[in-house]
Amino acid sequence: MSRIGKLPINIPAGVTVSVDASNTVTVKGPKGELKQAVNPEITVEVKDGIVHLSRPSDDREYRAQHGLYRSLINNMVNGVSQGYRKELELVGVGFRATNNGQILDLSLGYTHNILLILPQEIKVETKSERNKNPLIIIESCDKQLIGQVCAKIRSFRQPEPYKGKGVRFVGEIVRRKAGKAAGKK
């Protein structure tokens, strides 16, 4: 039996989980509403504030999907109750970030600014303090969406290994390389 798939999902107060006839799981909570289509072979049961998932057999495909859908539903429950938050920092001289509603304006050392229109489900905030790196704070109830948006922002200027300049997560460690001068002797 799958170690992840057999774990029950506890539903916190203020969160409702429902499953319709087409096996689509809907999770509603104070932070928002999320939906996830589940393979019809995997059964989802909601009883007494606990969600259980079960599979029809021990085939490899069903074992993989059992744990996958349990993790996705658990992330949805956590997202609508607590939400997810990621912080990105811009390391580099002259790197700036500002937001105007759902439009994120990034100045990352290119000849032009990068404008990124964010989805409505995401809340963005930018902070610029003196003698500190600019921060981009992203919040959402959808873990997958927040990860995609952070990856997109990071892809505009990934941290390089020589000076460490670029967009990185707060607390991320970038492996540094020695320059050409360190190699000569």
N, C-alpha and C. Protein backbone atom coordinates (compact mmCIF):
# COMPACT_ATOMS: atom_id res chain seq x y z
N MET A 1 0.85 -1.18 0.00
CA MET A 1 0.00 0.00 0.00
C MET A 1 0.89 1.24 0.00
N SER A 2 0.44 2.26 -0.67
CA SER A 2 1.19 3.50 -0.76
C SER A 2 1.28 4.18 0.60
N ARG A 3 2.46 4.59 0.98
CA ARG A 3 2.61 5.25 2.28
C ARG A 3 1.96 6.63 2.27
N ILE A 4 2.08 7.34 1.15
CA ILE A 4 1.48 8.67 1.06
C ILE A 4 -0.02 8.55 0.83
N GLY A 5 -0.41 7.70 -0.09
CA GLY A 5 -1.81 7.59 -0.48
C GLY A 5 -2.75 7.14 0.61
N LYS A 6 -2.27 6.30 1.52
CA LYS A 6 -3.17 5.79 2.55
C LYS A 6 -3.35 6.75 3.73
N LEU A 7 -2.56 7.82 3.80
CA LEU A 7 -2.71 8.78 4.89
C LEU A 7 -4.02 9.56 4.73
N PRO A 8 -4.78 9.72 5.79
CA PRO A 8 -6.02 10.50 5.69
C PRO A 8 -5.70 12.00 5.65
N ILE A 9 -6.61 12.77 5.07
CA ILE A 9 -6.47 14.22 5.02
C ILE A 9 -7.50 14.81 5.97
N ASN A 10 -7.04 15.49 7.02
CA ASN A 10 -7.94 16.14 7.97
C ASN A 10 -8.39 17.47 7.40
N ILE A 11 -9.68 17.73 7.47
CA ILE A 11 -10.24 18.97 6.96
C ILE A 11 -10.36 19.95 8.12
N PRO A 12 -9.64 21.10 8.07
CA PRO A 12 -9.73 22.07 9.16
C PRO A 12 -11.08 22.80 9.16
N ALA A 13 -11.34 23.51 10.24
CA ALA A 13 -12.60 24.26 10.36
C ALA A 13 -12.64 25.36 9.31
N GLY A 14 -13.80 25.56 8.71
CA GLY A 14 -13.97 26.60 7.70
C GLY A 14 -13.67 26.15 6.29
N VAL A 15 -13.28 24.89 6.12
CA VAL A 15 -12.97 24.35 4.79
C VAL A 15 -13.98 23.26 4.46
N THR A 16 -14.51 23.31 3.22
CA THR A 16 -15.43 22.27 2.78
C THR A 16 -14.84 21.57 1.56
N VAL A 17 -14.97 20.24 1.55
CA VAL A 17 -14.49 19.43 0.45
C VAL A 17 -15.68 18.67 -0.11
N SER A 18 -15.86 18.74 -1.44
CA SER A 18 -16.96 18.01 -2.08
C SER A 18 -16.45 17.32 -3.33
N VAL A 19 -17.07 16.18 -3.65
CA VAL A 19 -16.72 15.40 -4.83
C VAL A 19 -17.99 15.25 -5.66
N ASP A 20 -17.92 15.61 -6.96
CA ASP A 20 -19.11 15.48 -7.80
C ASP A 20 -19.07 14.18 -8.60
N ALA A 21 -20.07 13.97 -9.46
CA ALA A 21 -20.22 12.71 -10.20
C ALA A 21 -19.07 12.46 -11.17
N SER A 22 -18.46 13.50 -11.70
CA SER A 22 -17.35 13.32 -12.65
C SER A 22 -16.01 13.18 -11.93
N ASN A 23 -16.03 12.94 -10.63
CA ASN A 23 -14.85 12.75 -9.77
C ASN A 23 -13.95 13.99 -9.76
N THR A 24 -14.56 15.17 -9.70
CA THR A 24 -13.84 16.42 -9.55
C THR A 24 -13.94 16.86 -8.08
N VAL A 25 -12.80 17.08 -7.46
CA VAL A 25 -12.76 17.48 -6.05
C VAL A 25 -12.74 19.00 -6.00
N THR A 26 -13.67 19.59 -5.22
CA THR A 26 -13.74 21.03 -5.04
C THR A 26 -13.47 21.33 -3.57
N VAL A 27 -12.52 22.22 -3.32
CA VAL A 27 -12.16 22.60 -1.95
C VAL A 27 -12.40 24.10 -1.81
N LYS A 28 -13.24 24.47 -0.83
CA LYS A 28 -13.53 25.89 -0.58
C LYS A 28 -13.07 26.24 0.83
N GLY A 29 -12.52 27.43 0.96
CA GLY A 29 -12.05 27.88 2.26
C GLY A 29 -11.97 29.38 2.31
N PRO A 30 -11.44 29.92 3.41
CA PRO A 30 -11.37 31.37 3.56
C PRO A 30 -10.44 32.05 2.55
N LYS A 31 -9.44 31.35 2.03
CA LYS A 31 -8.49 31.96 1.09
C LYS A 31 -8.90 31.80 -0.37
N GLY A 32 -9.91 30.95 -0.66
CA GLY A 32 -10.33 30.79 -2.05
C GLY A 32 -10.94 29.44 -2.32
N GLU A 33 -11.05 29.12 -3.60
CA GLU A 33 -11.65 27.86 -4.03
C GLU A 33 -10.77 27.23 -5.10
N LEU A 34 -10.53 25.92 -4.98
CA LEU A 34 -9.71 25.18 -5.93
C LEU A 34 -10.43 23.92 -6.39
N LYS A 35 -10.18 23.52 -7.63
CA LYS A 35 -10.77 22.30 -8.18
C LYS A 35 -9.67 21.44 -8.76
N GLN A 36 -9.87 20.12 -8.68
CA GLN A 36 -8.92 19.16 -9.23
C GLN A 36 -9.68 17.96 -9.76
N ALA A 37 -9.46 17.63 -11.04
CA ALA A 37 -10.06 16.43 -11.62
C ALA A 37 -9.23 15.23 -11.20
N VAL A 38 -9.91 14.17 -10.74
CA VAL A 38 -9.25 12.97 -10.26
C VAL A 38 -9.62 11.82 -11.21
N ASN A 39 -8.67 10.94 -11.46
CA ASN A 39 -8.93 9.76 -12.29
C ASN A 39 -10.15 9.02 -11.73
N PRO A 40 -11.13 8.65 -12.58
CA PRO A 40 -12.34 7.98 -12.09
C PRO A 40 -12.06 6.64 -11.40
N GLU A 41 -10.91 6.03 -11.68
CA GLU A 41 -10.58 4.75 -11.03
C GLU A 41 -10.22 4.94 -9.55
N ILE A 42 -9.72 6.11 -9.18
CA ILE A 42 -9.37 6.41 -7.79
C ILE A 42 -10.62 6.94 -7.09
N THR A 43 -11.03 6.30 -6.00
CA THR A 43 -12.23 6.75 -5.30
C THR A 43 -11.85 7.71 -4.18
N VAL A 44 -12.61 8.79 -4.09
CA VAL A 44 -12.39 9.82 -3.07
C VAL A 44 -13.63 9.84 -2.18
N GLU A 45 -13.44 9.63 -0.86
CA GLU A 45 -14.55 9.63 0.09
C GLU A 45 -14.31 10.71 1.14
N VAL A 46 -15.38 11.46 1.43
CA VAL A 46 -15.32 12.49 2.47
C VAL A 46 -16.28 12.07 3.58
N LYS A 47 -15.74 11.76 4.78
CA LYS A 47 -16.57 11.34 5.92
C LYS A 47 -16.02 11.96 7.20
N ASP A 48 -16.89 12.53 7.97
CA ASP A 48 -16.55 13.04 9.31
C ASP A 48 -15.33 13.96 9.33
N GLY A 49 -15.20 14.85 8.34
CA GLY A 49 -14.09 15.79 8.31
C GLY A 49 -12.78 15.18 7.90
N ILE A 50 -12.80 14.01 7.27
CA ILE A 50 -11.59 13.34 6.82
C ILE A 50 -11.79 12.87 5.38
N VAL A 51 -10.77 13.05 4.55
CA VAL A 51 -10.81 12.60 3.15
C VAL A 51 -9.94 11.36 3.03
N HIS A 52 -10.51 10.29 2.44
CA HIS A 52 -9.78 9.04 2.20
C HIS A 52 -9.74 8.79 0.69
N LEU A 53 -8.61 8.32 0.19
CA LEU A 53 -8.48 7.92 -1.20
C LEU A 53 -8.15 6.44 -1.24
N SER A 54 -8.74 5.73 -2.22
CA SER A 54 -8.43 4.31 -2.38
C SER A 54 -8.32 4.01 -3.86
N ARG A 55 -7.58 2.93 -4.17
CA ARG A 55 -7.34 2.54 -5.56
C ARG A 55 -7.92 1.15 -5.81
N PRO A 56 -8.22 0.83 -7.07
CA PRO A 56 -8.85 -0.47 -7.35
C PRO A 56 -7.91 -1.66 -7.26
N SER A 57 -6.63 -1.48 -7.62
CA SER A 57 -5.69 -2.60 -7.57
C SER A 57 -4.29 -2.07 -7.31
N ASP A 58 -3.33 -2.99 -7.24
CA ASP A 58 -1.94 -2.61 -6.98
C ASP A 58 -1.12 -2.46 -8.25
N ASP A 59 -1.78 -2.15 -9.36
CA ASP A 59 -1.03 -1.89 -10.59
C ASP A 59 -0.15 -0.66 -10.39
N ARG A 60 0.94 -0.62 -11.14
CA ARG A 60 1.91 0.47 -11.01
C ARG A 60 1.25 1.84 -11.25
N GLU A 61 0.41 1.92 -12.27
CA GLU A 61 -0.26 3.18 -12.60
C GLU A 61 -1.13 3.67 -11.45
N TYR A 62 -1.90 2.77 -10.86
CA TYR A 62 -2.80 3.16 -9.76
C TYR A 62 -2.02 3.51 -8.50
N ARG A 63 -0.92 2.81 -8.25
CA ARG A 63 -0.09 3.13 -7.07
C ARG A 63 0.46 4.55 -7.19
N ALA A 64 0.92 4.91 -8.38
CA ALA A 64 1.49 6.24 -8.60
C ALA A 64 0.40 7.31 -8.44
N GLN A 65 -0.75 7.10 -9.04
CA GLN A 65 -1.82 8.09 -8.98
C GLN A 65 -2.42 8.22 -7.59
N HIS A 66 -2.41 7.13 -6.83
CA HIS A 66 -2.96 7.16 -5.47
C HIS A 66 -2.25 8.21 -4.62
N GLY A 67 -0.93 8.15 -4.59
CA GLY A 67 -0.15 9.12 -3.81
C GLY A 67 -0.20 10.52 -4.41
N LEU A 68 -0.21 10.60 -5.74
CA LEU A 68 -0.26 11.89 -6.42
C LEU A 68 -1.52 12.66 -6.05
N TYR A 69 -2.69 12.04 -6.22
CA TYR A 69 -3.94 12.73 -5.96
C TYR A 69 -4.11 13.05 -4.48
N ARG A 70 -3.60 12.20 -3.61
CA ARG A 70 -3.66 12.51 -2.17
C ARG A 70 -2.85 13.76 -1.87
N SER A 71 -1.66 13.87 -2.46
CA SER A 71 -0.81 15.04 -2.23
C SER A 71 -1.45 16.30 -2.82
N LEU A 72 -2.05 16.19 -4.02
CA LEU A 72 -2.68 17.35 -4.64
C LEU A 72 -3.85 17.86 -3.80
N ILE A 73 -4.68 16.93 -3.31
CA ILE A 73 -5.84 17.33 -2.50
C ILE A 73 -5.37 17.92 -1.17
N ASN A 74 -4.32 17.34 -0.57
CA ASN A 74 -3.79 17.88 0.68
C ASN A 74 -3.25 19.29 0.48
N ASN A 75 -2.56 19.53 -0.64
CA ASN A 75 -2.05 20.88 -0.94
C ASN A 75 -3.19 21.86 -1.14
N MET A 76 -4.29 21.40 -1.75
CA MET A 76 -5.45 22.27 -1.93
C MET A 76 -6.06 22.65 -0.59
N VAL A 77 -6.20 21.66 0.32
CA VAL A 77 -6.77 21.94 1.64
C VAL A 77 -5.88 22.92 2.41
N ASN A 78 -4.57 22.71 2.37
CA ASN A 78 -3.65 23.63 3.05
C ASN A 78 -3.68 25.01 2.41
N GLY A 79 -3.82 25.08 1.10
CA GLY A 79 -3.82 26.35 0.39
C GLY A 79 -5.02 27.21 0.72
N VAL A 80 -6.23 26.61 0.74
CA VAL A 80 -7.42 27.42 1.01
C VAL A 80 -7.56 27.75 2.49
N SER A 81 -6.86 27.03 3.37
CA SER A 81 -6.95 27.35 4.79
C SER A 81 -5.83 28.30 5.24
N GLN A 82 -4.59 28.04 4.83
CA GLN A 82 -3.46 28.86 5.26
C GLN A 82 -2.87 29.70 4.13
N GLY A 83 -2.85 29.16 2.92
CA GLY A 83 -2.25 29.86 1.78
C GLY A 83 -0.77 29.57 1.68
N TYR A 84 -0.20 29.91 0.55
CA TYR A 84 1.23 29.72 0.31
C TYR A 84 1.87 31.07 0.02
N ARG A 85 3.15 31.18 0.39
CA ARG A 85 3.87 32.44 0.25
C ARG A 85 5.30 32.15 -0.17
N LYS A 86 5.76 32.85 -1.20
CA LYS A 86 7.14 32.73 -1.67
C LYS A 86 7.74 34.13 -1.73
N GLU A 87 9.03 34.22 -1.41
CA GLU A 87 9.73 35.50 -1.47
C GLU A 87 10.93 35.34 -2.39
N LEU A 88 11.04 36.26 -3.35
CA LEU A 88 12.17 36.30 -4.27
C LEU A 88 12.95 37.58 -4.01
N GLU A 89 14.28 37.50 -4.09
CA GLU A 89 15.09 38.71 -3.94
C GLU A 89 15.90 38.93 -5.20
N LEU A 90 16.09 40.21 -5.52
CA LEU A 90 16.84 40.60 -6.71
C LEU A 90 18.24 41.02 -6.26
N VAL A 91 19.25 40.26 -6.67
CA VAL A 91 20.62 40.54 -6.28
C VAL A 91 21.35 41.09 -7.49
N GLY A 92 21.76 42.34 -7.41
CA GLY A 92 22.49 42.97 -8.51
C GLY A 92 22.35 44.47 -8.45
N VAL A 93 23.35 45.17 -8.96
CA VAL A 93 23.34 46.63 -8.93
C VAL A 93 22.27 47.13 -9.90
N GLY A 94 21.37 47.96 -9.42
CA GLY A 94 20.33 48.54 -10.25
C GLY A 94 19.13 47.65 -10.51
N PHE A 95 19.08 46.47 -9.93
CA PHE A 95 17.93 45.60 -10.11
C PHE A 95 16.78 46.13 -9.26
N ARG A 96 15.60 46.32 -9.89
CA ARG A 96 14.45 46.86 -9.19
C ARG A 96 13.19 46.11 -9.59
N ALA A 97 12.20 46.14 -8.70
CA ALA A 97 10.90 45.55 -9.00
C ALA A 97 9.82 46.45 -8.41
N THR A 98 8.79 46.73 -9.21
CA THR A 98 7.62 47.47 -8.74
C THR A 98 6.39 46.77 -9.28
N ASN A 99 5.28 46.97 -8.58
CA ASN A 99 4.03 46.39 -9.10
C ASN A 99 2.95 47.45 -9.10
N ASN A 100 2.10 47.35 -10.12
CA ASN A 100 0.94 48.22 -10.25
C ASN A 100 -0.25 47.29 -10.44
N GLY A 101 -0.90 46.93 -9.33
CA GLY A 101 -1.97 45.94 -9.40
C GLY A 101 -1.39 44.58 -9.71
N GLN A 102 -1.84 43.97 -10.82
CA GLN A 102 -1.37 42.64 -11.20
C GLN A 102 -0.25 42.70 -12.24
N ILE A 103 0.31 43.88 -12.48
CA ILE A 103 1.41 44.02 -13.43
C ILE A 103 2.71 44.20 -12.65
N LEU A 104 3.66 43.30 -12.88
CA LEU A 104 4.95 43.34 -12.21
C LEU A 104 5.97 43.91 -13.19
N ASP A 105 6.65 44.99 -12.78
CA ASP A 105 7.64 45.67 -13.62
C ASP A 105 9.02 45.36 -13.06
N LEU A 106 9.85 44.64 -13.85
CA LEU A 106 11.17 44.22 -13.40
C LEU A 106 12.24 44.93 -14.20
N SER A 107 13.21 45.50 -13.50
CA SER A 107 14.38 46.09 -14.13
C SER A 107 15.57 45.22 -13.73
N LEU A 108 16.03 44.37 -14.67
CA LEU A 108 17.04 43.36 -14.35
C LEU A 108 18.33 43.52 -15.14
N GLY A 109 18.65 44.75 -15.53
CA GLY A 109 19.92 44.98 -16.20
C GLY A 109 19.86 44.84 -17.71
N TYR A 110 18.70 44.60 -18.26
CA TYR A 110 18.56 44.57 -19.71
C TYR A 110 18.30 45.98 -20.21
N THR A 111 18.23 46.16 -21.52
CA THR A 111 17.99 47.49 -22.09
C THR A 111 16.56 47.95 -21.86
N HIS A 112 15.67 47.03 -21.54
CA HIS A 112 14.26 47.36 -21.35
C HIS A 112 13.76 46.72 -20.06
N ASN A 113 12.68 47.26 -19.53
CA ASN A 113 12.05 46.65 -18.37
C ASN A 113 11.19 45.48 -18.82
N ILE A 114 11.02 44.50 -17.95
CA ILE A 114 10.19 43.34 -18.24
C ILE A 114 8.87 43.55 -17.52
N LEU A 115 7.77 43.52 -18.27
CA LEU A 115 6.43 43.63 -17.69
C LEU A 115 5.79 42.26 -17.69
N LEU A 116 5.34 41.80 -16.53
CA LEU A 116 4.71 40.49 -16.40
C LEU A 116 3.32 40.67 -15.81
N ILE A 117 2.31 40.20 -16.55
CA ILE A 117 0.93 40.27 -16.05
C ILE A 117 0.65 39.00 -15.28
N LEU A 118 0.32 39.13 -14.00
CA LEU A 118 0.11 37.99 -13.13
C LEU A 118 -1.37 37.59 -13.12
N PRO A 119 -1.66 36.31 -12.88
CA PRO A 119 -3.06 35.86 -12.78
C PRO A 119 -3.77 36.51 -11.59
N GLN A 120 -5.10 36.56 -11.66
CA GLN A 120 -5.90 37.20 -10.61
C GLN A 120 -5.80 36.45 -9.27
N GLU A 121 -5.49 35.15 -9.30
CA GLU A 121 -5.44 34.36 -8.06
C GLU A 121 -4.21 34.68 -7.21
N ILE A 122 -3.30 35.47 -7.76
CA ILE A 122 -2.03 35.74 -7.07
C ILE A 122 -2.01 37.17 -6.54
N LYS A 123 -1.54 37.31 -5.30
CA LYS A 123 -1.32 38.64 -4.72
C LYS A 123 0.18 38.88 -4.72
N VAL A 124 0.57 40.04 -5.22
CA VAL A 124 2.00 40.36 -5.29
C VAL A 124 2.27 41.65 -4.54
N GLU A 125 3.44 41.69 -3.91
CA GLU A 125 3.87 42.88 -3.17
C GLU A 125 5.37 43.03 -3.40
N THR A 126 5.82 44.24 -3.58
CA THR A 126 7.26 44.48 -3.76
C THR A 126 7.75 45.40 -2.65
N LYS A 127 8.98 45.13 -2.19
CA LYS A 127 9.59 45.95 -1.14
C LYS A 127 10.98 46.36 -1.59
N SER A 128 11.27 47.63 -1.41
CA SER A 128 12.61 48.14 -1.69
C SER A 128 13.06 48.98 -0.51
N GLU A 129 14.05 48.48 0.22
CA GLU A 129 14.59 49.21 1.37
C GLU A 129 16.04 49.58 1.06
N ARG A 130 16.47 50.66 1.67
CA ARG A 130 17.83 51.14 1.45
C ARG A 130 18.84 50.12 1.98
N ASN A 131 19.89 49.87 1.20
CA ASN A 131 20.98 48.93 1.53
C ASN A 131 20.52 47.49 1.68
N LYS A 132 19.37 47.15 1.09
CA LYS A 132 18.90 45.76 1.07
C LYS A 132 18.45 45.44 -0.35
N ASN A 133 18.48 44.16 -0.66
CA ASN A 133 18.03 43.73 -1.99
C ASN A 133 16.52 43.88 -2.10
N PRO A 134 16.02 44.30 -3.28
CA PRO A 134 14.57 44.38 -3.48
C PRO A 134 13.92 43.00 -3.34
N LEU A 135 12.72 42.96 -2.77
CA LEU A 135 11.99 41.71 -2.56
C LEU A 135 10.71 41.70 -3.36
N ILE A 136 10.33 40.52 -3.85
CA ILE A 136 9.03 40.29 -4.46
C ILE A 136 8.35 39.23 -3.61
N ILE A 137 7.21 39.56 -3.02
CA ILE A 137 6.47 38.63 -2.16
C ILE A 137 5.21 38.21 -2.91
N ILE A 138 5.07 36.90 -3.10
CA ILE A 138 3.95 36.36 -3.86
C ILE A 138 3.14 35.45 -2.94
N GLU A 139 1.82 35.65 -2.91
CA GLU A 139 0.92 34.83 -2.09
C GLU A 139 -0.22 34.32 -2.93
N SER A 140 -0.64 33.07 -2.65
CA SER A 140 -1.76 32.47 -3.35
C SER A 140 -2.21 31.23 -2.59
N CYS A 141 -3.40 30.73 -2.95
CA CYS A 141 -3.88 29.49 -2.35
C CYS A 141 -3.51 28.29 -3.21
N ASP A 142 -3.05 28.52 -4.44
CA ASP A 142 -2.73 27.45 -5.38
C ASP A 142 -1.21 27.24 -5.42
N LYS A 143 -0.75 26.12 -4.87
CA LYS A 143 0.68 25.85 -4.77
C LYS A 143 1.33 25.69 -6.15
N GLN A 144 0.63 25.05 -7.06
CA GLN A 144 1.17 24.83 -8.40
C GLN A 144 1.32 26.15 -9.15
N LEU A 145 0.33 27.00 -9.07
CA LEU A 145 0.36 28.28 -9.77
C LEU A 145 1.45 29.19 -9.22
N ILE A 146 1.61 29.22 -7.90
CA ILE A 146 2.63 30.07 -7.30
C ILE A 146 4.03 29.58 -7.69
N GLY A 147 4.21 28.27 -7.80
CA GLY A 147 5.49 27.73 -8.24
C GLY A 147 5.80 28.08 -9.68
N GLN A 148 4.78 28.04 -10.55
CA GLN A 148 4.98 28.39 -11.95
C GLN A 148 5.34 29.86 -12.11
N VAL A 149 4.66 30.73 -11.37
CA VAL A 149 4.92 32.17 -11.47
C VAL A 149 6.33 32.49 -10.96
N CYS A 150 6.73 31.87 -9.85
CA CYS A 150 8.07 32.10 -9.32
C CYS A 150 9.13 31.60 -10.29
N ALA A 151 8.90 30.46 -10.92
CA ALA A 151 9.86 29.93 -11.88
C ALA A 151 9.96 30.86 -13.09
N LYS A 152 8.85 31.43 -13.52
CA LYS A 152 8.85 32.35 -14.66
C LYS A 152 9.65 33.61 -14.33
N ILE A 153 9.42 34.18 -13.14
CA ILE A 153 10.15 35.39 -12.73
C ILE A 153 11.65 35.08 -12.61
N ARG A 154 11.98 33.93 -12.04
CA ARG A 154 13.37 33.55 -11.85
C ARG A 154 14.07 33.31 -13.20
N SER A 155 13.31 32.85 -14.20
CA SER A 155 13.91 32.54 -15.50
C SER A 155 14.37 33.80 -16.25
N PHE A 156 13.87 34.98 -15.87
CA PHE A 156 14.28 36.21 -16.55
C PHE A 156 15.76 36.51 -16.28
N ARG A 157 16.26 36.19 -15.10
CA ARG A 157 17.68 36.40 -14.78
C ARG A 157 18.04 35.43 -13.66
N GLN A 158 18.49 34.22 -14.03
CA GLN A 158 18.86 33.23 -13.03
C GLN A 158 20.18 33.61 -12.37
N PRO A 159 20.38 33.21 -11.11
CA PRO A 159 21.62 33.56 -10.43
C PRO A 159 22.83 32.96 -11.15
N GLU A 160 23.82 33.79 -11.41
CA GLU A 160 25.00 33.28 -12.08
C GLU A 160 26.06 32.92 -11.03
N PRO A 161 26.96 31.98 -11.34
CA PRO A 161 27.85 31.44 -10.31
C PRO A 161 29.07 32.29 -9.96
N TYR A 162 29.37 33.35 -10.71
CA TYR A 162 30.59 34.10 -10.44
C TYR A 162 30.37 35.25 -9.46
N LYS A 163 29.35 36.06 -9.67
CA LYS A 163 29.06 37.15 -8.74
C LYS A 163 27.79 36.90 -7.95
N GLY A 164 26.98 35.93 -8.35
CA GLY A 164 25.74 35.62 -7.64
C GLY A 164 24.59 36.54 -8.01
N LYS A 165 24.75 37.33 -9.09
CA LYS A 165 23.69 38.25 -9.48
C LYS A 165 22.52 37.49 -10.10
N GLY A 166 21.31 37.99 -9.87
CA GLY A 166 20.13 37.40 -10.48
C GLY A 166 18.95 37.38 -9.52
N VAL A 167 17.90 36.68 -9.92
CA VAL A 167 16.69 36.54 -9.10
C VAL A 167 16.78 35.21 -8.39
N ARG A 168 16.67 35.24 -7.06
CA ARG A 168 16.74 33.99 -6.29
C ARG A 168 15.73 34.02 -5.17
N PHE A 169 15.41 32.85 -4.64
CA PHE A 169 14.53 32.74 -3.50
C PHE A 169 15.26 33.22 -2.26
N VAL A 170 14.54 33.79 -1.31
CA VAL A 170 15.16 34.24 -0.06
C VAL A 170 15.68 33.01 0.68
N GLY A 171 16.94 33.02 1.04
CA GLY A 171 17.55 31.90 1.74
C GLY A 171 18.19 30.88 0.82
N GLU A 172 18.05 31.04 -0.48
CA GLU A 172 18.65 30.10 -1.44
C GLU A 172 20.16 30.30 -1.46
N ILE A 173 20.90 29.21 -1.49
CA ILE A 173 22.35 29.27 -1.52
C ILE A 173 22.81 29.02 -2.95
N VAL A 174 23.58 29.95 -3.50
CA VAL A 174 24.09 29.84 -4.86
C VAL A 174 25.55 29.43 -4.77
N ARG A 175 25.89 28.31 -5.41
CA ARG A 175 27.29 27.87 -5.41
C ARG A 175 28.12 28.82 -6.25
N ARG A 176 29.19 29.31 -5.67
CA ARG A 176 30.04 30.30 -6.34
C ARG A 176 31.27 29.62 -6.92
N LYS A 177 31.72 30.14 -8.05
CA LYS A 177 32.93 29.64 -8.70
C LYS A 177 34.02 30.69 -8.58
N ALA A 178 35.26 30.22 -8.59
CA ALA A 178 36.39 31.16 -8.62
C ALA A 178 36.54 31.67 -10.04
N GLY A 179 36.99 32.90 -10.18
CA GLY A 179 37.17 33.50 -11.49
C GLY A 179 38.43 33.01 -12.19
N LYS A 180 38.77 33.65 -13.31
CA LYS A 180 39.95 33.22 -14.08
C LYS A 180 41.24 33.46 -13.30
N ALA A 181 41.28 34.53 -12.51
CA ALA A 181 42.51 34.86 -11.79
C ALA A 181 42.86 33.79 -10.76
N ALA A 182 41.88 33.13 -10.18
CA ALA A 182 42.14 32.11 -9.18
C ALA A 182 42.71 30.85 -9.80
N GLY A 183 42.46 30.63 -11.09
CA GLY A 183 42.94 29.43 -11.76
C GLY A 183 44.40 29.51 -12.18
N LYS A 184 44.95 30.73 -12.35
CA LYS A 184 46.33 30.92 -12.80
C LYS A 184 47.28 30.95 -11.60
N LYS A 185 48.41 30.32 -11.77
CA LYS A 185 49.46 30.41 -10.73
C LYS A 185 50.80 30.20 -11.35
